[in-house]
mmCIF file of all heavy atoms, coordinates in Angstrom:
data_MODEL
# 
_entry.id   MODEL 
# 
loop_
_atom_site.group_PDB 
_atom_site.id 
_atom_site.type_symbol 
_atom_site.label_atom_id 
_atom_site.label_alt_id 
_atom_site.label_comp_id 
_atom_site.label_asym_id 
_atom_site.label_entity_id 
_atom_site.label_seq_id 
_atom_site.pdbx_PDB_ins_code 
_atom_site.Cartn_x 
_atom_site.Cartn_y 
_atom_site.Cartn_z 
_atom_site.occupancy 
_atom_site.B_iso_or_equiv 
_atom_site.pdbx_formal_charge 
_atom_site.auth_seq_id 
_atom_site.auth_comp_id 
_atom_site.auth_asym_id 
_atom_site.auth_atom_id 
_atom_site.pdbx_PDB_model_num 
ATOM 1   N N   . GLU A 1 1  ? 75.380 78.188  99.425  1.00 0.00 ? 1  GLU A N   1 
ATOM 2   C CA  . GLU A 1 1  ? 75.762 76.972  100.143 1.00 0.00 ? 1  GLU A CA  1 
ATOM 3   C C   . GLU A 1 1  ? 76.121 77.232  101.605 1.00 0.00 ? 1  GLU A C   1 
ATOM 4   O O   . GLU A 1 1  ? 76.330 76.282  102.368 1.00 0.00 ? 1  GLU A O   1 
ATOM 5   C CB  . GLU A 1 1  ? 76.943 76.299  99.440  1.00 0.00 ? 1  GLU A CB  1 
ATOM 6   C CG  . GLU A 1 1  ? 76.617 75.829  98.032  1.00 0.00 ? 1  GLU A CG  1 
ATOM 7   C CD  . GLU A 1 1  ? 75.511 74.789  97.998  1.00 0.00 ? 1  GLU A CD  1 
ATOM 8   O OE1 . GLU A 1 1  ? 75.500 73.894  98.873  1.00 0.00 ? 1  GLU A OE1 1 
ATOM 9   O OE2 . GLU A 1 1  ? 74.645 74.878  97.102  1.00 0.00 ? 1  GLU A OE2 1 
ATOM 10  N N   . ALA A 1 2  ? 76.194 78.490  102.011 1.00 0.00 ? 2  ALA A N   1 
ATOM 11  C CA  . ALA A 1 2  ? 76.610 78.827  103.378 1.00 0.00 ? 2  ALA A CA  1 
ATOM 12  C C   . ALA A 1 2  ? 75.486 78.560  104.381 1.00 0.00 ? 2  ALA A C   1 
ATOM 13  O O   . ALA A 1 2  ? 74.311 78.791  104.086 1.00 0.00 ? 2  ALA A O   1 
ATOM 14  C CB  . ALA A 1 2  ? 77.030 80.294  103.447 1.00 0.00 ? 2  ALA A CB  1 
ATOM 15  N N   . ASN A 1 3  ? 75.861 78.090  105.571 1.00 0.00 ? 3  ASN A N   1 
ATOM 16  C CA  . ASN A 1 3  ? 74.874 77.930  106.643 1.00 0.00 ? 3  ASN A CA  1 
ATOM 17  C C   . ASN A 1 3  ? 74.710 79.277  107.352 1.00 0.00 ? 3  ASN A C   1 
ATOM 18  O O   . ASN A 1 3  ? 75.392 80.245  107.032 1.00 0.00 ? 3  ASN A O   1 
ATOM 19  C CB  . ASN A 1 3  ? 75.284 76.796  107.596 1.00 0.00 ? 3  ASN A CB  1 
ATOM 20  C CG  . ASN A 1 3  ? 76.629 77.038  108.248 1.00 0.00 ? 3  ASN A CG  1 
ATOM 21  O OD1 . ASN A 1 3  ? 77.012 78.178  108.555 1.00 0.00 ? 3  ASN A OD1 1 
ATOM 22  N ND2 . ASN A 1 3  ? 77.372 75.961  108.481 1.00 0.00 ? 3  ASN A ND2 1 
ATOM 23  N N   . ASP A 1 4  ? 73.789 79.351  108.281 1.00 0.00 ? 4  ASP A N   1 
ATOM 24  C CA  . ASP A 1 4  ? 73.499 80.634  108.929 1.00 0.00 ? 4  ASP A CA  1 
ATOM 25  C C   . ASP A 1 4  ? 74.706 81.240  109.659 1.00 0.00 ? 4  ASP A C   1 
ATOM 26  O O   . ASP A 1 4  ? 74.946 82.438  109.524 1.00 0.00 ? 4  ASP A O   1 
ATOM 27  C CB  . ASP A 1 4  ? 72.295 80.523  109.858 1.00 0.00 ? 4  ASP A CB  1 
ATOM 28  C CG  . ASP A 1 4  ? 70.980 80.490  109.089 1.00 0.00 ? 4  ASP A CG  1 
ATOM 29  O OD1 . ASP A 1 4  ? 70.964 80.829  107.883 1.00 0.00 ? 4  ASP A OD1 1 
ATOM 30  O OD2 . ASP A 1 4  ? 69.950 80.143  109.689 1.00 0.00 ? 4  ASP A OD2 1 
ATOM 31  N N   . PRO A 1 5  ? 75.493 80.480  110.428 1.00 0.00 ? 5  PRO A N   1 
ATOM 32  C CA  . PRO A 1 5  ? 76.680 81.091  111.048 1.00 0.00 ? 5  PRO A CA  1 
ATOM 33  C C   . PRO A 1 5  ? 77.666 81.634  110.010 1.00 0.00 ? 5  PRO A C   1 
ATOM 34  O O   . PRO A 1 5  ? 78.239 82.714  110.192 1.00 0.00 ? 5  PRO A O   1 
ATOM 35  C CB  . PRO A 1 5  ? 77.296 79.946  111.857 1.00 0.00 ? 5  PRO A CB  1 
ATOM 36  C CG  . PRO A 1 5  ? 76.145 79.045  112.165 1.00 0.00 ? 5  PRO A CG  1 
ATOM 37  C CD  . PRO A 1 5  ? 75.258 79.115  110.945 1.00 0.00 ? 5  PRO A CD  1 
ATOM 38  N N   . GLU A 1 6  ? 77.844 80.913  108.911 1.00 0.00 ? 6  GLU A N   1 
ATOM 39  C CA  . GLU A 1 6  ? 78.728 81.394  107.849 1.00 0.00 ? 6  GLU A CA  1 
ATOM 40  C C   . GLU A 1 6  ? 78.164 82.662  107.204 1.00 0.00 ? 6  GLU A C   1 
ATOM 41  O O   . GLU A 1 6  ? 78.906 83.592  106.898 1.00 0.00 ? 6  GLU A O   1 
ATOM 42  C CB  . GLU A 1 6  ? 78.921 80.307  106.782 1.00 0.00 ? 6  GLU A CB  1 
ATOM 43  C CG  . GLU A 1 6  ? 79.700 79.115  107.292 1.00 0.00 ? 6  GLU A CG  1 
ATOM 44  C CD  . GLU A 1 6  ? 79.642 77.903  106.386 1.00 0.00 ? 6  GLU A CD  1 
ATOM 45  O OE1 . GLU A 1 6  ? 78.646 77.737  105.640 1.00 0.00 ? 6  GLU A OE1 1 
ATOM 46  O OE2 . GLU A 1 6  ? 80.596 77.106  106.429 1.00 0.00 ? 6  GLU A OE2 1 
ATOM 47  N N   . ARG A 1 7  ? 76.856 82.697  107.029 1.00 0.00 ? 7  ARG A N   1 
ATOM 48  C CA  . ARG A 1 7  ? 76.216 83.881  106.458 1.00 0.00 ? 7  ARG A CA  1 
ATOM 49  C C   . ARG A 1 7  ? 76.378 85.092  107.372 1.00 0.00 ? 7  ARG A C   1 
ATOM 50  O O   . ARG A 1 7  ? 76.624 86.195  106.904 1.00 0.00 ? 7  ARG A O   1 
ATOM 51  C CB  . ARG A 1 7  ? 74.729 83.621  106.187 1.00 0.00 ? 7  ARG A CB  1 
ATOM 52  C CG  . ARG A 1 7  ? 74.502 82.725  104.998 1.00 0.00 ? 7  ARG A CG  1 
ATOM 53  C CD  . ARG A 1 7  ? 73.045 82.474  104.755 1.00 0.00 ? 7  ARG A CD  1 
ATOM 54  N NE  . ARG A 1 7  ? 72.864 81.760  103.498 1.00 0.00 ? 7  ARG A NE  1 
ATOM 55  C CZ  . ARG A 1 7  ? 71.748 81.750  102.815 1.00 0.00 ? 7  ARG A CZ  1 
ATOM 56  N NH1 . ARG A 1 7  ? 70.685 82.392  103.247 1.00 0.00 ? 7  ARG A NH1 1 
ATOM 57  N NH2 . ARG A 1 7  ? 71.670 81.084  101.674 1.00 0.00 ? 7  ARG A NH2 1 
ATOM 58  N N   . ARG A 1 8  ? 76.249 84.881  108.685 1.00 0.00 ? 8  ARG A N   1 
ATOM 59  C CA  . ARG A 1 8  ? 76.452 85.995  109.621 1.00 0.00 ? 8  ARG A CA  1 
ATOM 60  C C   . ARG A 1 8  ? 77.887 86.512  109.550 1.00 0.00 ? 8  ARG A C   1 
ATOM 61  O O   . ARG A 1 8  ? 78.125 87.711  109.611 1.00 0.00 ? 8  ARG A O   1 
ATOM 62  C CB  . ARG A 1 8  ? 76.078 85.576  111.042 1.00 0.00 ? 8  ARG A CB  1 
ATOM 63  C CG  . ARG A 1 8  ? 74.568 85.582  111.270 1.00 0.00 ? 8  ARG A CG  1 
ATOM 64  C CD  . ARG A 1 8  ? 74.212 85.389  112.732 1.00 0.00 ? 8  ARG A CD  1 
ATOM 65  N NE  . ARG A 1 8  ? 74.345 84.012  113.165 1.00 0.00 ? 8  ARG A NE  1 
ATOM 66  C CZ  . ARG A 1 8  ? 73.442 83.056  112.958 1.00 0.00 ? 8  ARG A CZ  1 
ATOM 67  N NH1 . ARG A 1 8  ? 72.323 83.350  112.319 1.00 0.00 ? 8  ARG A NH1 1 
ATOM 68  N NH2 . ARG A 1 8  ? 73.647 81.844  113.398 1.00 0.00 ? 8  ARG A NH2 1 
ATOM 69  N N   . CYS A 1 9  ? 78.840 85.614  109.393 1.00 0.00 ? 9  CYS A N   1 
ATOM 70  C CA  . CYS A 1 9  ? 80.240 86.007  109.245 1.00 0.00 ? 9  CYS A CA  1 
ATOM 71  C C   . CYS A 1 9  ? 80.424 86.827  107.966 1.00 0.00 ? 9  CYS A C   1 
ATOM 72  O O   . CYS A 1 9  ? 81.092 87.869  107.977 1.00 0.00 ? 9  CYS A O   1 
ATOM 73  C CB  . CYS A 1 9  ? 81.121 84.757  109.225 1.00 0.00 ? 9  CYS A CB  1 
ATOM 74  S SG  . CYS A 1 9  ? 82.875 85.129  109.106 1.00 0.00 ? 9  CYS A SG  1 
ATOM 75  N N   . ILE A 1 10 ? 79.817 86.391  106.874 1.00 0.00 ? 10 ILE A N   1 
ATOM 76  C CA  . ILE A 1 10 ? 79.879 87.135  105.617 1.00 0.00 ? 10 ILE A CA  1 
ATOM 77  C C   . ILE A 1 10 ? 79.274 88.528  105.797 1.00 0.00 ? 10 ILE A C   1 
ATOM 78  O O   . ILE A 1 10 ? 79.842 89.522  105.333 1.00 0.00 ? 10 ILE A O   1 
ATOM 79  C CB  . ILE A 1 10 ? 79.159 86.355  104.490 1.00 0.00 ? 10 ILE A CB  1 
ATOM 80  C CG1 . ILE A 1 10 ? 79.951 85.104  104.110 1.00 0.00 ? 10 ILE A CG1 1 
ATOM 81  C CG2 . ILE A 1 10 ? 78.916 87.246  103.267 1.00 0.00 ? 10 ILE A CG2 1 
ATOM 82  C CD1 . ILE A 1 10 ? 79.209 84.132  103.190 1.00 0.00 ? 10 ILE A CD1 1 
ATOM 83  N N   . LEU A 1 11 ? 78.145 88.610  106.487 1.00 0.00 ? 11 LEU A N   1 
ATOM 84  C CA  . LEU A 1 11 ? 77.504 89.913  106.716 1.00 0.00 ? 11 LEU A CA  1 
ATOM 85  C C   . LEU A 1 11 ? 78.386 90.818  107.570 1.00 0.00 ? 11 LEU A C   1 
ATOM 86  O O   . LEU A 1 11 ? 78.448 92.030  107.325 1.00 0.00 ? 11 LEU A O   1 
ATOM 87  C CB  . LEU A 1 11 ? 76.134 89.723  107.375 1.00 0.00 ? 11 LEU A CB  1 
ATOM 88  C CG  . LEU A 1 11 ? 75.068 89.072  106.499 1.00 0.00 ? 11 LEU A CG  1 
ATOM 89  C CD1 . LEU A 1 11 ? 73.776 88.901  107.298 1.00 0.00 ? 11 LEU A CD1 1 
ATOM 90  C CD2 . LEU A 1 11 ? 74.821 89.869  105.235 1.00 0.00 ? 11 LEU A CD2 1 
ATOM 91  N N   . ASN A 1 12 ? 79.052 90.254  108.561 1.00 0.00 ? 12 ASN A N   1 
ATOM 92  C CA  . ASN A 1 12 ? 79.974 91.058  109.385 1.00 0.00 ? 12 ASN A CA  1 
ATOM 93  C C   . ASN A 1 12 ? 81.133 91.587  108.548 1.00 0.00 ? 12 ASN A C   1 
ATOM 94  O O   . ASN A 1 12 ? 81.524 92.747  108.684 1.00 0.00 ? 12 ASN A O   1 
ATOM 95  C CB  . ASN A 1 12 ? 80.500 90.238  110.562 1.00 0.00 ? 12 ASN A CB  1 
ATOM 96  C CG  . ASN A 1 12 ? 79.457 90.024  111.626 1.00 0.00 ? 12 ASN A CG  1 
ATOM 97  O OD1 . ASN A 1 12 ? 78.505 90.787  111.737 1.00 0.00 ? 12 ASN A OD1 1 
ATOM 98  N ND2 . ASN A 1 12 ? 79.620 88.979  112.403 1.00 0.00 ? 12 ASN A ND2 1 
ATOM 99  N N   . ASN A 1 13 ? 81.675 90.742  107.682 1.00 0.00 ? 13 ASN A N   1 
ATOM 100 C CA  . ASN A 1 13 ? 82.766 91.171  106.802 1.00 0.00 ? 13 ASN A CA  1 
ATOM 101 C C   . ASN A 1 13 ? 82.285 92.277  105.856 1.00 0.00 ? 13 ASN A C   1 
ATOM 102 O O   . ASN A 1 13 ? 82.990 93.264  105.634 1.00 0.00 ? 13 ASN A O   1 
ATOM 103 C CB  . ASN A 1 13 ? 83.293 90.002  105.978 1.00 0.00 ? 13 ASN A CB  1 
ATOM 104 C CG  . ASN A 1 13 ? 84.004 88.964  106.813 1.00 0.00 ? 13 ASN A CG  1 
ATOM 105 O OD1 . ASN A 1 13 ? 84.452 89.240  107.910 1.00 0.00 ? 13 ASN A OD1 1 
ATOM 106 N ND2 . ASN A 1 13 ? 84.091 87.754  106.286 1.00 0.00 ? 13 ASN A ND2 1 
ATOM 107 N N   . ALA A 1 14 ? 81.087 92.105  105.317 1.00 0.00 ? 14 ALA A N   1 
ATOM 108 C CA  . ALA A 1 14 ? 80.525 93.104  104.399 1.00 0.00 ? 14 ALA A CA  1 
ATOM 109 C C   . ALA A 1 14 ? 80.285 94.434  105.119 1.00 0.00 ? 14 ALA A C   1 
ATOM 110 O O   . ALA A 1 14 ? 80.545 95.503  104.559 1.00 0.00 ? 14 ALA A O   1 
ATOM 111 C CB  . ALA A 1 14 ? 79.227 92.589  103.782 1.00 0.00 ? 14 ALA A CB  1 
ATOM 112 N N   . ALA A 1 15 ? 79.822 94.375  106.362 1.00 0.00 ? 15 ALA A N   1 
ATOM 113 C CA  . ALA A 1 15 ? 79.583 95.599  107.131 1.00 0.00 ? 15 ALA A CA  1 
ATOM 114 C C   . ALA A 1 15 ? 80.894 96.346  107.372 1.00 0.00 ? 15 ALA A C   1 
ATOM 115 O O   . ALA A 1 15 ? 80.940 97.578  107.292 1.00 0.00 ? 15 ALA A O   1 
ATOM 116 C CB  . ALA A 1 15 ? 78.902 95.268  108.461 1.00 0.00 ? 15 ALA A CB  1 
ATOM 117 N N   . ALA A 1 16 ? 81.960 95.612  107.638 1.00 0.00 ? 16 ALA A N   1 
ATOM 118 C CA  . ALA A 1 16 ? 83.272 96.247  107.836 1.00 0.00 ? 16 ALA A CA  1 
ATOM 119 C C   . ALA A 1 16 ? 83.746 96.902  106.534 1.00 0.00 ? 16 ALA A C   1 
ATOM 120 O O   . ALA A 1 16 ? 84.274 98.021  106.558 1.00 0.00 ? 16 ALA A O   1 
ATOM 121 C CB  . ALA A 1 16 ? 84.284 95.213  108.317 1.00 0.00 ? 16 ALA A CB  1 
ATOM 122 N N   . ARG A 1 17 ? 83.528 96.223  105.419 1.00 0.00 ? 17 ARG A N   1 
ATOM 123 C CA  . ARG A 1 17 ? 83.910 96.817  104.127 1.00 0.00 ? 17 ARG A CA  1 
ATOM 124 C C   . ARG A 1 17 ? 83.104 98.075  103.843 1.00 0.00 ? 17 ARG A C   1 
ATOM 125 O O   . ARG A 1 17 ? 83.620 99.053  103.320 1.00 0.00 ? 17 ARG A O   1 
ATOM 126 C CB  . ARG A 1 17 ? 83.705 95.813  102.992 1.00 0.00 ? 17 ARG A CB  1 
ATOM 127 C CG  . ARG A 1 17 ? 84.758 94.782  102.911 1.00 0.00 ? 17 ARG A CG  1 
ATOM 128 C CD  . ARG A 1 17 ? 84.581 93.922  101.653 1.00 0.00 ? 17 ARG A CD  1 
ATOM 129 N NE  . ARG A 1 17 ? 85.103 92.620  101.952 1.00 0.00 ? 17 ARG A NE  1 
ATOM 130 C CZ  . ARG A 1 17 ? 84.371 91.567  102.295 1.00 0.00 ? 17 ARG A CZ  1 
ATOM 131 N NH1 . ARG A 1 17 ? 83.064 91.634  102.302 1.00 0.00 ? 17 ARG A NH1 1 
ATOM 132 N NH2 . ARG A 1 17 ? 84.959 90.431  102.587 1.00 0.00 ? 17 ARG A NH2 1 
ATOM 133 N N   . ARG A 1 18 ? 81.828 98.039  104.193 1.00 0.00 ? 18 ARG A N   1 
ATOM 134 C CA  . ARG A 1 18 ? 80.969 99.208  103.984 1.00 0.00 ? 18 ARG A CA  1 
ATOM 135 C C   . ARG A 1 18 ? 81.464 100.392 104.821 1.00 0.00 ? 18 ARG A C   1 
ATOM 136 O O   . ARG A 1 18 ? 81.559 101.511 104.337 1.00 0.00 ? 18 ARG A O   1 
ATOM 137 C CB  . ARG A 1 18 ? 79.520 98.879  104.327 1.00 0.00 ? 18 ARG A CB  1 
ATOM 138 C CG  . ARG A 1 18 ? 78.570 100.039 104.140 1.00 0.00 ? 18 ARG A CG  1 
ATOM 139 C CD  . ARG A 1 18 ? 77.139 99.646  104.545 1.00 0.00 ? 18 ARG A CD  1 
ATOM 140 N NE  . ARG A 1 18 ? 76.276 100.778 104.560 1.00 0.00 ? 18 ARG A NE  1 
ATOM 141 C CZ  . ARG A 1 18 ? 75.589 101.232 103.508 1.00 0.00 ? 18 ARG A CZ  1 
ATOM 142 N NH1 . ARG A 1 18 ? 75.688 100.616 102.356 1.00 0.00 ? 18 ARG A NH1 1 
ATOM 143 N NH2 . ARG A 1 18 ? 74.822 102.283 103.619 1.00 0.00 ? 18 ARG A NH2 1 
ATOM 144 N N   . ARG A 1 19 ? 81.794 100.145 106.098 1.00 0.00 ? 19 ARG A N   1 
ATOM 145 C CA  . ARG A 1 19 ? 82.321 101.209 106.965 1.00 0.00 ? 19 ARG A CA  1 
ATOM 146 C C   . ARG A 1 19 ? 83.600 101.787 106.382 1.00 0.00 ? 19 ARG A C   1 
ATOM 147 O O   . ARG A 1 19 ? 83.770 103.008 106.318 1.00 0.00 ? 19 ARG A O   1 
ATOM 148 C CB  . ARG A 1 19 ? 82.570 100.680 108.375 1.00 0.00 ? 19 ARG A CB  1 
ATOM 149 C CG  . ARG A 1 19 ? 81.326 100.551 109.224 1.00 0.00 ? 19 ARG A CG  1 
ATOM 150 C CD  . ARG A 1 19 ? 81.655 100.249 110.680 1.00 0.00 ? 19 ARG A CD  1 
ATOM 151 N NE  . ARG A 1 19 ? 82.411 99.023  110.855 1.00 0.00 ? 19 ARG A NE  1 
ATOM 152 C CZ  . ARG A 1 19 ? 81.886 97.815  110.969 1.00 0.00 ? 19 ARG A CZ  1 
ATOM 153 N NH1 . ARG A 1 19 ? 80.577 97.656  110.913 1.00 0.00 ? 19 ARG A NH1 1 
ATOM 154 N NH2 . ARG A 1 19 ? 82.654 96.755  111.134 1.00 0.00 ? 19 ARG A NH2 1 
ATOM 155 N N   . ASP A 1 20 ? 84.504 100.913 105.947 1.00 0.00 ? 20 ASP A N   1 
ATOM 156 C CA  . ASP A 1 20 ? 85.764 101.376 105.357 1.00 0.00 ? 20 ASP A CA  1 
ATOM 157 C C   . ASP A 1 20 ? 85.510 102.208 104.105 1.00 0.00 ? 20 ASP A C   1 
ATOM 158 O O   . ASP A 1 20 ? 86.164 103.226 103.887 1.00 0.00 ? 20 ASP A O   1 
ATOM 159 C CB  . ASP A 1 20 ? 86.672 100.193 105.011 1.00 0.00 ? 20 ASP A CB  1 
ATOM 160 C CG  . ASP A 1 20 ? 87.205 99.470  106.233 1.00 0.00 ? 20 ASP A CG  1 
ATOM 161 O OD1 . ASP A 1 20 ? 87.116 100.041 107.360 1.00 0.00 ? 20 ASP A OD1 1 
ATOM 162 O OD2 . ASP A 1 20 ? 87.702 98.335  106.069 1.00 0.00 ? 20 ASP A OD2 1 
ATOM 163 N N   . HIS A 1 21 ? 84.564 101.773 103.297 1.00 0.00 ? 21 HIS A N   1 
ATOM 164 C CA  . HIS A 1 21 ? 84.229 102.499 102.069 1.00 0.00 ? 21 HIS A CA  1 
ATOM 165 C C   . HIS A 1 21 ? 83.676 103.891 102.398 1.00 0.00 ? 21 HIS A C   1 
ATOM 166 O O   . HIS A 1 21 ? 84.048 104.881 101.767 1.00 0.00 ? 21 HIS A O   1 
ATOM 167 C CB  . HIS A 1 21 ? 83.201 101.701 101.246 1.00 0.00 ? 21 HIS A CB  1 
ATOM 168 C CG  . HIS A 1 21 ? 82.823 102.345 99.971  1.00 0.00 ? 21 HIS A CG  1 
ATOM 169 N ND1 . HIS A 1 21 ? 83.576 102.238 98.822  1.00 0.00 ? 21 HIS A ND1 1 
ATOM 170 C CD2 . HIS A 1 21 ? 81.769 103.140 99.649  1.00 0.00 ? 21 HIS A CD2 1 
ATOM 171 C CE1 . HIS A 1 21 ? 83.006 102.928 97.856  1.00 0.00 ? 21 HIS A CE1 1 
ATOM 172 N NE2 . HIS A 1 21 ? 81.901 103.465 98.324  1.00 0.00 ? 21 HIS A NE2 1 
ATOM 173 N N   . LEU A 1 22 ? 82.806 103.963 103.403 1.00 0.00 ? 22 LEU A N   1 
ATOM 174 C CA  . LEU A 1 22 ? 82.209 105.249 103.776 1.00 0.00 ? 22 LEU A CA  1 
ATOM 175 C C   . LEU A 1 22 ? 83.233 106.212 104.353 1.00 0.00 ? 22 LEU A C   1 
ATOM 176 O O   . LEU A 1 22 ? 83.102 107.421 104.180 1.00 0.00 ? 22 LEU A O   1 
ATOM 177 C CB  . LEU A 1 22 ? 81.066 105.033 104.763 1.00 0.00 ? 22 LEU A CB  1 
ATOM 178 C CG  . LEU A 1 22 ? 79.803 104.448 104.166 1.00 0.00 ? 22 LEU A CG  1 
ATOM 179 C CD1 . LEU A 1 22 ? 78.796 104.099 105.254 1.00 0.00 ? 22 LEU A CD1 1 
ATOM 180 C CD2 . LEU A 1 22 ? 79.190 105.405 103.161 1.00 0.00 ? 22 LEU A CD2 1 
ATOM 181 N N   . ILE A 1 23 ? 84.242 105.690 105.004 1.00 0.00 ? 23 ILE A N   1 
ATOM 182 C CA  . ILE A 1 23 ? 85.318 106.542 105.514 1.00 0.00 ? 23 ILE A CA  1 
ATOM 183 C C   . ILE A 1 23 ? 86.137 107.096 104.347 1.00 0.00 ? 23 ILE A C   1 
ATOM 184 O O   . ILE A 1 23 ? 86.455 108.271 104.297 1.00 0.00 ? 23 ILE A O   1 
ATOM 185 C CB  . ILE A 1 23 ? 86.205 105.756 106.508 1.00 0.00 ? 23 ILE A CB  1 
ATOM 186 C CG1 . ILE A 1 23 ? 85.437 105.497 107.800 1.00 0.00 ? 23 ILE A CG1 1 
ATOM 187 C CG2 . ILE A 1 23 ? 87.507 106.507 106.788 1.00 0.00 ? 23 ILE A CG2 1 
ATOM 188 C CD1 . ILE A 1 23 ? 86.089 104.492 108.728 1.00 0.00 ? 23 ILE A CD1 1 
ATOM 189 N N   . LYS A 1 24 ? 86.447 106.223 103.401 1.00 0.00 ? 24 LYS A N   1 
ATOM 190 C CA  . LYS A 1 24 ? 87.265 106.622 102.255 1.00 0.00 ? 24 LYS A CA  1 
ATOM 191 C C   . LYS A 1 24 ? 86.495 107.490 101.254 1.00 0.00 ? 24 LYS A C   1 
ATOM 192 O O   . LYS A 1 24 ? 87.030 108.415 100.683 1.00 0.00 ? 24 LYS A O   1 
ATOM 193 C CB  . LYS A 1 24 ? 87.803 105.373 101.572 1.00 0.00 ? 24 LYS A CB  1 
ATOM 194 C CG  . LYS A 1 24 ? 88.851 105.654 100.520 1.00 0.00 ? 24 LYS A CG  1 
ATOM 195 C CD  . LYS A 1 24 ? 89.486 104.357 100.033 1.00 0.00 ? 24 LYS A CD  1 
ATOM 196 C CE  . LYS A 1 24 ? 90.577 104.652 99.025  1.00 0.00 ? 24 LYS A CE  1 
ATOM 197 N NZ  . LYS A 1 24 ? 91.222 103.431 98.540  1.00 0.00 ? 24 LYS A NZ  1 
ATOM 198 N N   . TYR A 1 25 ? 85.212 107.170 101.053 1.00 0.00 ? 25 TYR A N   1 
ATOM 199 C CA  . TYR A 1 25 ? 84.356 107.876 100.092 1.00 0.00 ? 25 TYR A CA  1 
ATOM 200 C C   . TYR A 1 25 ? 83.045 108.275 100.775 1.00 0.00 ? 25 TYR A C   1 
ATOM 201 O O   . TYR A 1 25 ? 82.003 107.654 100.546 1.00 0.00 ? 25 TYR A O   1 
ATOM 202 C CB  . TYR A 1 25 ? 84.041 106.967 98.881  1.00 0.00 ? 25 TYR A CB  1 
ATOM 203 C CG  . TYR A 1 25 ? 85.249 106.386 98.214  1.00 0.00 ? 25 TYR A CG  1 
ATOM 204 C CD1 . TYR A 1 25 ? 85.615 105.055 98.420  1.00 0.00 ? 25 TYR A CD1 1 
ATOM 205 C CD2 . TYR A 1 25 ? 86.046 107.173 97.383  1.00 0.00 ? 25 TYR A CD2 1 
ATOM 206 C CE1 . TYR A 1 25 ? 86.724 104.517 97.797  1.00 0.00 ? 25 TYR A CE1 1 
ATOM 207 C CE2 . TYR A 1 25 ? 87.161 106.632 96.754  1.00 0.00 ? 25 TYR A CE2 1 
ATOM 208 C CZ  . TYR A 1 25 ? 87.492 105.311 96.962  1.00 0.00 ? 25 TYR A CZ  1 
ATOM 209 O OH  . TYR A 1 25 ? 88.599 104.781 96.348  1.00 0.00 ? 25 TYR A OH  1 
# 
């Protein structure tokens, strides 16, 4: 249901989680 700006925000949040995960593991 997300529009493109919302999807980009979700992708940015996911990228930050991925970076944090790679630092930790």
